[in-house]
N, C-alpha and C. Protein backbone atom coordinates (compact mmCIF):
# COMPACT_ATOMS: atom_id res chain seq x y z
N MET A 1 -29.14 -3.53 0.18
CA MET A 1 -28.25 -2.91 -0.76
C MET A 1 -27.00 -3.94 -0.81
N ALA A 2 -26.55 -4.17 -2.25
CA ALA A 2 -25.40 -5.02 -2.44
C ALA A 2 -24.14 -4.42 -1.69
N LYS A 3 -23.40 -5.39 -1.53
CA LYS A 3 -22.09 -4.77 -0.71
C LYS A 3 -21.09 -4.44 -2.09
N LYS A 4 -20.24 -3.30 -1.95
CA LYS A 4 -19.40 -2.71 -2.82
C LYS A 4 -18.24 -3.85 -3.09
N SER A 5 -17.79 -3.99 -4.59
CA SER A 5 -16.70 -4.68 -4.78
C SER A 5 -15.48 -3.88 -4.24
N PHE A 6 -14.34 -4.52 -4.25
CA PHE A 6 -13.16 -3.90 -4.15
C PHE A 6 -12.86 -2.88 -5.29
N LYS A 7 -13.08 -3.19 -6.45
CA LYS A 7 -12.96 -2.39 -7.65
C LYS A 7 -13.84 -1.02 -7.38
N GLU A 8 -15.07 -1.23 -7.01
CA GLU A 8 -15.91 -0.29 -6.80
C GLU A 8 -15.39 0.79 -5.70
N LYS A 9 -14.91 0.13 -4.76
CA LYS A 9 -14.19 1.01 -3.50
C LYS A 9 -13.13 1.82 -4.00
N LEU A 10 -12.18 1.04 -4.76
CA LEU A 10 -11.22 1.87 -5.29
C LEU A 10 -11.50 2.91 -6.16
N GLU A 11 -12.60 2.93 -7.14
CA GLU A 11 -12.98 3.84 -7.93
C GLU A 11 -13.65 5.20 -7.07
N ASP A 12 -14.11 4.80 -6.14
CA ASP A 12 -15.03 5.73 -5.24
C ASP A 12 -14.23 6.62 -4.43
N SER A 13 -13.89 7.86 -5.06
CA SER A 13 -13.07 8.79 -4.26
C SER A 13 -13.69 9.73 -3.48
N LYS A 14 -15.12 9.53 -3.29
CA LYS A 14 -15.87 10.58 -2.34
C LYS A 14 -15.11 11.97 -2.59
N ASP A 15 -14.90 12.56 -1.60
CA ASP A 15 -14.29 13.90 -1.81
C ASP A 15 -12.80 14.03 -1.53
N LEU A 16 -12.12 12.91 -1.95
CA LEU A 16 -10.81 12.63 -1.60
C LEU A 16 -9.89 12.98 -3.05
N PRO A 17 -8.71 13.30 -2.86
CA PRO A 17 -7.81 13.58 -1.69
C PRO A 17 -8.26 15.08 -1.29
N LYS A 18 -7.82 15.13 0.10
CA LYS A 18 -7.87 16.34 0.68
C LYS A 18 -6.79 16.55 1.76
N VAL A 19 -6.30 17.64 1.96
CA VAL A 19 -5.30 18.02 2.88
C VAL A 19 -6.02 18.79 4.01
N VAL A 20 -5.54 18.30 5.26
CA VAL A 20 -6.17 18.73 6.53
C VAL A 20 -5.07 18.92 7.30
N LYS A 21 -5.27 20.16 8.17
CA LYS A 21 -4.36 20.67 9.18
C LYS A 21 -4.53 19.59 10.42
N LEU A 22 -3.04 19.24 10.82
CA LEU A 22 -3.07 18.41 12.01
C LEU A 22 -3.40 19.22 13.33
N GLU A 23 -4.47 18.85 14.21
CA GLU A 23 -4.76 19.42 15.33
C GLU A 23 -4.95 18.54 16.45
N GLY A 24 -4.98 19.06 17.68
CA GLY A 24 -5.35 18.18 18.90
C GLY A 24 -4.38 17.06 18.96
N LYS A 25 -4.87 16.01 19.31
CA LYS A 25 -3.88 14.64 19.59
C LYS A 25 -3.17 14.27 18.33
N LEU A 26 -3.55 14.44 17.16
CA LEU A 26 -2.78 14.22 15.93
C LEU A 26 -1.52 15.04 15.96
N VAL A 27 -1.41 16.05 16.60
CA VAL A 27 -0.23 16.92 16.54
C VAL A 27 0.74 16.10 17.38
N LYS A 28 0.20 15.56 18.63
CA LYS A 28 1.19 14.75 19.49
C LYS A 28 1.61 13.44 18.93
N MET A 29 0.81 12.88 17.98
CA MET A 29 1.22 11.71 17.30
C MET A 29 2.10 12.11 16.03
N TRP A 30 1.78 13.02 15.16
CA TRP A 30 2.33 13.19 14.06
C TRP A 30 3.25 14.55 13.84
N GLY A 31 3.07 15.33 14.78
CA GLY A 31 3.85 16.69 14.80
C GLY A 31 2.86 17.61 13.95
N LYS A 32 3.46 18.92 13.93
CA LYS A 32 2.62 19.82 13.40
C LYS A 32 2.74 19.99 11.95
N GLY A 33 1.70 20.44 11.32
CA GLY A 33 1.69 20.62 9.78
C GLY A 33 0.30 20.15 9.30
N THR A 34 0.36 19.53 7.96
CA THR A 34 -0.87 18.98 7.34
C THR A 34 -0.63 17.32 7.03
N CYS A 35 -1.95 17.06 6.65
CA CYS A 35 -1.76 15.41 6.34
C CYS A 35 -2.69 15.38 5.29
N VAL A 36 -2.32 14.59 4.21
CA VAL A 36 -3.17 14.39 3.10
C VAL A 36 -3.89 12.90 3.21
N ILE A 37 -5.27 13.15 3.02
CA ILE A 37 -6.06 11.95 3.17
C ILE A 37 -6.15 11.59 1.44
N PRO A 38 -5.43 10.41 1.22
CA PRO A 38 -5.59 10.24 -0.36
C PRO A 38 -6.78 9.69 -0.87
N ALA A 39 -6.91 9.69 -2.14
CA ALA A 39 -7.92 8.88 -2.62
C ALA A 39 -7.61 7.52 -2.88
N PRO A 40 -8.46 6.64 -2.86
CA PRO A 40 -8.05 5.35 -3.08
C PRO A 40 -7.22 4.95 -4.10
N LYS A 41 -7.84 5.61 -5.44
CA LYS A 41 -7.14 5.39 -6.53
C LYS A 41 -5.70 5.75 -6.86
N GLU A 42 -5.38 6.79 -5.85
CA GLU A 42 -4.00 7.32 -6.00
C GLU A 42 -3.01 6.38 -5.37
N VAL A 43 -3.44 5.74 -4.35
CA VAL A 43 -2.72 4.65 -3.80
C VAL A 43 -2.66 3.44 -4.62
N GLY A 44 -3.75 2.95 -5.30
CA GLY A 44 -3.80 1.95 -6.21
C GLY A 44 -2.74 2.08 -7.43
N GLU A 45 -2.55 3.52 -7.72
CA GLU A 45 -1.73 3.99 -9.04
C GLU A 45 -0.19 3.82 -8.46
N ILE A 46 0.15 4.17 -7.26
CA ILE A 46 1.60 4.04 -6.93
C ILE A 46 1.86 2.47 -6.60
N MET A 47 1.03 1.66 -6.33
CA MET A 47 1.37 0.12 -5.97
C MET A 47 1.35 -0.37 -7.51
N ARG A 48 0.61 0.11 -8.34
CA ARG A 48 0.73 -0.42 -9.72
C ARG A 48 1.95 -0.14 -10.33
N SER A 49 2.60 0.93 -10.17
CA SER A 49 3.93 1.37 -10.67
C SER A 49 5.20 0.64 -10.42
N VAL A 50 5.03 -0.27 -9.33
CA VAL A 50 6.07 -1.03 -8.83
C VAL A 50 6.62 -2.12 -9.74
N PRO A 51 7.65 -2.21 -10.64
CA PRO A 51 8.15 -3.08 -11.37
C PRO A 51 8.52 -4.55 -10.87
N SER A 52 8.35 -5.52 -11.31
CA SER A 52 8.95 -6.82 -10.90
C SER A 52 10.29 -6.59 -10.58
N GLY A 53 10.70 -7.24 -9.37
CA GLY A 53 12.05 -7.20 -8.85
C GLY A 53 12.08 -5.98 -7.74
N LYS A 54 11.42 -5.03 -7.71
CA LYS A 54 11.21 -3.93 -6.83
C LYS A 54 10.25 -4.04 -5.83
N LEU A 55 10.42 -3.20 -4.94
CA LEU A 55 9.55 -3.05 -3.61
C LEU A 55 9.24 -1.80 -3.24
N ILE A 56 8.13 -1.57 -2.52
CA ILE A 56 7.86 -0.35 -1.87
C ILE A 56 7.25 -0.47 -0.55
N THR A 57 7.42 0.41 0.24
CA THR A 57 6.64 0.26 1.61
C THR A 57 5.65 1.32 1.74
N ILE A 58 4.66 0.93 2.56
CA ILE A 58 3.69 1.74 2.70
C ILE A 58 3.90 3.12 3.22
N ASN A 59 5.17 3.31 3.94
CA ASN A 59 5.76 4.64 4.40
C ASN A 59 6.20 5.32 3.14
N GLN A 60 6.77 4.77 2.23
CA GLN A 60 7.11 5.22 0.88
C GLN A 60 6.07 5.95 0.11
N ILE A 61 4.88 5.16 0.00
CA ILE A 61 3.67 5.44 -0.49
C ILE A 61 3.17 6.92 0.07
N ARG A 62 3.25 6.79 1.47
CA ARG A 62 2.74 7.93 2.20
C ARG A 62 3.67 9.30 1.70
N GLU A 63 5.02 8.94 1.65
CA GLU A 63 5.69 10.01 1.46
C GLU A 63 5.53 10.60 0.03
N ARG A 64 5.38 9.77 -0.87
CA ARG A 64 4.92 10.35 -2.07
C ARG A 64 3.77 11.01 -2.20
N LEU A 65 2.71 10.67 -1.57
CA LEU A 65 1.61 11.18 -1.29
C LEU A 65 1.59 12.62 -0.91
N ALA A 66 2.33 12.59 0.26
CA ALA A 66 2.54 14.05 1.06
C ALA A 66 3.29 14.93 -0.04
N LYS A 67 4.39 14.47 -0.55
CA LYS A 67 5.21 15.36 -1.50
C LYS A 67 4.18 15.92 -2.76
N LYS A 68 3.36 14.86 -3.33
CA LYS A 68 2.39 15.42 -4.37
C LYS A 68 1.53 16.42 -4.04
N HIS A 69 1.11 16.31 -2.79
CA HIS A 69 -0.06 17.29 -2.31
C HIS A 69 0.53 18.22 -1.45
N ASN A 70 1.76 18.52 -1.36
CA ASN A 70 2.55 19.54 -0.39
C ASN A 70 1.95 19.54 0.88
N ALA A 71 1.78 18.29 1.35
CA ALA A 71 1.37 17.96 2.95
C ALA A 71 2.80 17.61 3.72
N THR A 72 2.42 17.72 4.87
CA THR A 72 3.70 17.20 5.86
C THR A 72 3.87 15.74 5.88
N ILE A 73 2.53 15.14 5.92
CA ILE A 73 2.56 13.57 5.90
C ILE A 73 1.35 12.98 5.14
N GLY A 74 1.61 11.83 4.72
CA GLY A 74 0.40 11.00 4.21
C GLY A 74 -0.25 10.38 5.31
N CYS A 75 -1.69 10.30 5.36
CA CYS A 75 -2.30 9.75 6.39
C CYS A 75 -2.03 8.29 6.28
N PRO A 76 -1.62 7.65 7.60
CA PRO A 76 -1.12 6.35 7.68
C PRO A 76 -2.43 5.36 7.61
N ILE A 77 -3.57 5.87 8.50
CA ILE A 77 -4.56 5.10 8.43
C ILE A 77 -5.48 4.82 6.97
N THR A 78 -5.74 5.75 6.31
CA THR A 78 -6.36 5.75 5.23
C THR A 78 -5.31 5.10 4.16
N THR A 79 -4.16 5.43 4.11
CA THR A 79 -3.21 4.68 3.09
C THR A 79 -3.18 3.18 3.13
N GLY A 80 -3.18 2.77 4.41
CA GLY A 80 -3.13 1.19 4.68
C GLY A 80 -4.36 0.71 4.21
N ILE A 81 -5.58 1.51 4.56
CA ILE A 81 -6.92 0.80 4.05
C ILE A 81 -6.99 0.81 2.59
N PHE A 82 -6.39 1.99 2.14
CA PHE A 82 -6.55 1.92 0.57
C PHE A 82 -5.72 0.89 -0.18
N ALA A 83 -4.52 0.73 0.57
CA ALA A 83 -3.63 -0.40 -0.12
C ALA A 83 -4.28 -1.80 0.04
N ARG A 84 -5.13 -2.04 1.26
CA ARG A 84 -5.89 -3.33 1.04
C ARG A 84 -6.75 -3.46 0.22
N ILE A 85 -7.54 -2.28 -0.28
CA ILE A 85 -8.70 -2.21 -1.19
C ILE A 85 -7.96 -2.53 -2.48
N ALA A 86 -6.68 -1.85 -2.77
CA ALA A 86 -6.20 -1.98 -4.07
C ALA A 86 -5.76 -3.58 -4.28
N ALA A 87 -5.42 -4.25 -3.16
CA ALA A 87 -4.89 -5.59 -3.12
C ALA A 87 -6.14 -6.43 -3.66
N GLY A 88 -7.35 -6.14 -2.90
CA GLY A 88 -8.71 -6.88 -3.23
C GLY A 88 -9.13 -6.67 -4.61
N ALA A 89 -9.09 -5.30 -5.15
CA ALA A 89 -9.52 -5.19 -6.58
C ALA A 89 -8.50 -5.95 -7.75
N ALA A 90 -7.30 -6.02 -7.06
CA ALA A 90 -6.26 -6.82 -8.06
C ALA A 90 -6.70 -8.19 -8.02
N GLU A 91 -7.20 -8.79 -7.05
CA GLU A 91 -7.66 -9.98 -7.02
C GLU A 91 -8.94 -10.35 -7.73
N GLU A 92 -9.88 -9.46 -7.65
CA GLU A 92 -11.12 -9.44 -8.48
C GLU A 92 -10.66 -9.42 -9.95
N ASP A 93 -9.67 -8.63 -10.26
CA ASP A 93 -9.13 -8.45 -11.71
C ASP A 93 -8.82 -9.92 -12.13
N LYS A 94 -7.94 -10.53 -11.37
CA LYS A 94 -7.35 -11.75 -11.75
C LYS A 94 -8.40 -12.86 -11.78
N ALA A 95 -9.36 -12.74 -11.04
CA ALA A 95 -10.53 -13.69 -10.97
C ALA A 95 -11.52 -13.52 -12.40
N GLU A 96 -11.38 -12.39 -12.93
CA GLU A 96 -12.08 -11.94 -14.22
C GLU A 96 -10.97 -12.38 -15.38
N GLY A 97 -9.84 -12.95 -15.07
CA GLY A 97 -9.04 -13.40 -16.07
C GLY A 97 -7.99 -12.30 -16.59
N LYS A 98 -8.00 -11.28 -15.90
CA LYS A 98 -6.98 -10.19 -16.35
C LYS A 98 -5.59 -10.53 -15.91
N GLU A 99 -4.60 -10.40 -16.86
CA GLU A 99 -3.29 -10.78 -16.55
C GLU A 99 -2.55 -9.76 -15.99
N GLU A 100 -2.79 -8.52 -16.39
CA GLU A 100 -1.95 -7.35 -15.72
C GLU A 100 -2.75 -6.80 -14.45
N ILE A 101 -2.47 -7.33 -13.39
CA ILE A 101 -3.09 -6.60 -11.98
C ILE A 101 -1.96 -6.02 -11.20
N THR A 102 -2.50 -5.08 -10.43
CA THR A 102 -1.77 -4.53 -9.29
C THR A 102 -0.95 -5.37 -8.57
N PRO A 103 0.42 -5.21 -8.63
CA PRO A 103 1.22 -6.36 -7.94
C PRO A 103 1.42 -5.81 -6.36
N TYR A 104 0.41 -5.84 -5.72
CA TYR A 104 0.16 -5.65 -4.29
C TYR A 104 1.07 -6.23 -3.45
N TRP A 105 1.76 -7.46 -3.64
CA TRP A 105 2.50 -8.32 -2.97
C TRP A 105 4.02 -7.32 -2.59
N ARG A 106 4.22 -6.63 -3.77
CA ARG A 106 5.36 -5.74 -3.70
C ARG A 106 5.31 -4.55 -2.71
N THR A 107 4.08 -4.38 -2.09
CA THR A 107 4.16 -3.23 -1.21
C THR A 107 4.14 -3.86 0.32
N LEU A 108 5.20 -3.40 0.99
CA LEU A 108 5.52 -3.96 2.31
C LEU A 108 5.14 -2.91 3.34
N LYS A 109 5.06 -3.40 4.75
CA LYS A 109 5.00 -2.74 5.71
C LYS A 109 6.41 -2.13 6.14
N ALA A 110 6.35 -1.47 7.20
CA ALA A 110 7.57 -0.81 7.47
C ALA A 110 8.48 -2.11 7.92
N GLY A 111 9.99 -1.83 7.71
CA GLY A 111 10.84 -2.85 8.06
C GLY A 111 10.71 -4.17 7.13
N GLY A 112 10.20 -3.94 5.89
CA GLY A 112 10.17 -4.90 4.99
C GLY A 112 9.36 -6.23 5.31
N VAL A 113 8.32 -6.08 6.20
CA VAL A 113 7.25 -6.97 6.68
C VAL A 113 6.19 -7.10 5.64
N ILE A 114 5.79 -8.33 5.42
CA ILE A 114 4.79 -8.62 4.46
C ILE A 114 3.42 -8.37 5.30
N ASN A 115 2.46 -7.78 4.44
CA ASN A 115 1.11 -7.31 5.04
C ASN A 115 0.18 -8.63 5.06
N GLU A 116 0.10 -9.34 6.18
CA GLU A 116 -0.79 -10.34 6.29
C GLU A 116 -2.41 -10.31 5.90
N LYS A 117 -2.68 -9.03 5.92
CA LYS A 117 -3.92 -8.76 5.59
C LYS A 117 -4.41 -8.82 3.95
N TYR A 118 -3.32 -8.68 3.16
CA TYR A 118 -3.45 -8.84 1.79
C TYR A 118 -4.02 -10.28 1.35
N PRO A 119 -4.82 -10.32 0.24
CA PRO A 119 -5.30 -11.75 -0.08
C PRO A 119 -4.49 -12.88 0.02
N GLY A 120 -4.85 -13.84 0.39
CA GLY A 120 -3.97 -14.98 0.37
C GLY A 120 -3.01 -15.10 1.68
N GLY A 121 -2.88 -13.90 2.39
CA GLY A 121 -2.28 -13.84 3.69
C GLY A 121 -0.49 -13.82 3.47
N ALA A 122 0.08 -13.82 4.25
CA ALA A 122 1.50 -13.75 4.13
C ALA A 122 2.10 -14.88 3.22
N GLU A 123 1.49 -16.16 3.63
CA GLU A 123 2.00 -17.21 2.83
C GLU A 123 2.02 -17.16 1.39
N GLU A 124 1.03 -16.55 0.91
CA GLU A 124 0.73 -16.35 -0.53
C GLU A 124 1.52 -15.32 -1.23
N GLN A 125 1.88 -14.25 -0.47
CA GLN A 125 2.74 -13.14 -0.83
C GLN A 125 4.12 -13.63 -0.75
N LYS A 126 4.47 -14.55 0.24
CA LYS A 126 5.91 -15.02 0.19
C LYS A 126 6.19 -15.69 -1.06
N LYS A 127 5.16 -16.63 -1.48
CA LYS A 127 5.48 -17.31 -2.70
C LYS A 127 5.66 -16.34 -3.91
N LEU A 128 4.75 -15.39 -4.12
CA LEU A 128 4.79 -14.47 -5.12
C LEU A 128 6.18 -13.65 -5.07
N LEU A 129 6.64 -13.17 -3.90
CA LEU A 129 7.84 -12.56 -3.76
C LEU A 129 9.14 -13.42 -4.19
N GLU A 130 8.98 -14.71 -3.80
CA GLU A 130 10.18 -15.57 -3.91
C GLU A 130 10.16 -15.83 -5.51
N LYS A 131 8.97 -15.69 -6.02
CA LYS A 131 9.01 -16.28 -7.61
C LYS A 131 9.66 -15.00 -8.45
N GLU A 132 9.59 -13.77 -7.80
CA GLU A 132 10.36 -12.74 -8.36
C GLU A 132 11.95 -12.43 -7.94
N GLY A 133 12.25 -13.62 -7.24
CA GLY A 133 13.70 -13.36 -6.65
C GLY A 133 14.07 -12.93 -5.39
N HIS A 134 12.95 -12.63 -4.51
CA HIS A 134 13.19 -11.96 -3.24
C HIS A 134 13.41 -13.17 -2.36
N LYS A 135 14.19 -13.02 -1.11
CA LYS A 135 14.27 -14.13 -0.14
C LYS A 135 13.66 -13.65 1.00
N VAL A 136 12.44 -14.40 1.35
CA VAL A 136 11.63 -14.02 2.52
C VAL A 136 12.00 -15.00 3.67
N ILE A 137 12.06 -14.38 4.97
CA ILE A 137 12.39 -15.10 6.13
C ILE A 137 11.60 -14.92 7.36
N GLN A 138 11.20 -16.03 8.01
CA GLN A 138 10.39 -15.69 9.06
C GLN A 138 10.98 -15.15 10.49
N LYS A 139 10.49 -14.11 10.93
CA LYS A 139 10.96 -13.66 12.38
C LYS A 139 9.79 -13.61 13.29
N GLY A 140 9.75 -14.61 14.04
CA GLY A 140 8.61 -14.58 15.20
C GLY A 140 7.68 -15.09 14.34
N LYS A 141 6.38 -14.36 14.35
CA LYS A 141 5.31 -14.84 13.58
C LYS A 141 4.95 -13.92 12.23
N LYS A 142 6.14 -13.05 11.91
CA LYS A 142 5.98 -12.37 10.83
C LYS A 142 6.82 -12.66 9.56
N TYR A 143 6.63 -12.53 8.32
CA TYR A 143 7.50 -12.70 7.28
C TYR A 143 8.22 -11.44 6.82
N VAL A 144 9.49 -11.47 6.52
CA VAL A 144 10.05 -10.29 6.34
C VAL A 144 10.92 -10.54 4.85
N VAL A 145 10.96 -9.57 4.19
CA VAL A 145 11.86 -9.70 2.81
C VAL A 145 13.34 -9.33 3.38
N GLU A 146 14.16 -10.26 3.03
CA GLU A 146 15.54 -10.17 3.48
C GLU A 146 16.14 -9.01 2.60
N GLU A 147 16.91 -7.98 3.29
CA GLU A 147 17.67 -7.00 2.53
C GLU A 147 16.70 -6.37 1.59
N PHE A 148 15.49 -6.15 2.02
CA PHE A 148 14.49 -5.49 1.22
C PHE A 148 14.70 -3.92 0.73
N GLU A 149 15.79 -3.46 1.44
CA GLU A 149 16.18 -1.99 1.35
C GLU A 149 16.95 -1.76 -0.15
N GLU A 150 17.46 -2.94 -0.51
CA GLU A 150 18.54 -2.90 -1.62
C GLU A 150 17.41 -2.93 -2.91
N ASN A 151 16.18 -3.31 -2.59
CA ASN A 151 15.15 -3.56 -3.99
C ASN A 151 14.04 -2.58 -3.77
N LEU A 152 14.16 -1.39 -2.97
CA LEU A 152 13.30 -0.45 -2.97
C LEU A 152 13.04 0.58 -4.12
N MET A 153 11.96 0.82 -4.49
CA MET A 153 12.00 1.76 -5.63
C MET A 153 12.42 3.39 -5.10
N LYS A 154 13.18 3.79 -5.93
CA LYS A 154 13.95 5.26 -5.75
C LYS A 154 12.61 6.07 -6.32
N ASP A 155 12.70 7.39 -5.77
CA ASP A 155 11.74 8.37 -6.20
C ASP A 155 12.22 8.80 -7.52
């Protein structure tokens, strides 16, 4: 069986989104309440909505998803996985010659850290972010967008 492309994975929502009650060790980690497990497409749509010059963090995406689905939190695991899938799908679009692709490099980890798992690694995203006017500095082994808070998308 052929391996699915990132674009196919992004479109395959299975039975998602769904809201589940936090139980057991999940309550210890995230507290009481509910957790939305988003559809991959939902994560991609939020990432696609970030305009040039602006940024968003994975945690902001999780907050938006939780609000949309009336859940306590957005799942950190699936949201991160689906962000990586959206980034891979964007690169597939770019390889096909599309100019309007999901600007995944504008989606940062907590603290303004560049996600090294996105296509091209941290170096490539650093270039793309600097081209849009952001200053990227190295802190230890990680790259961080300086003063990223000033450029975060507002709800």
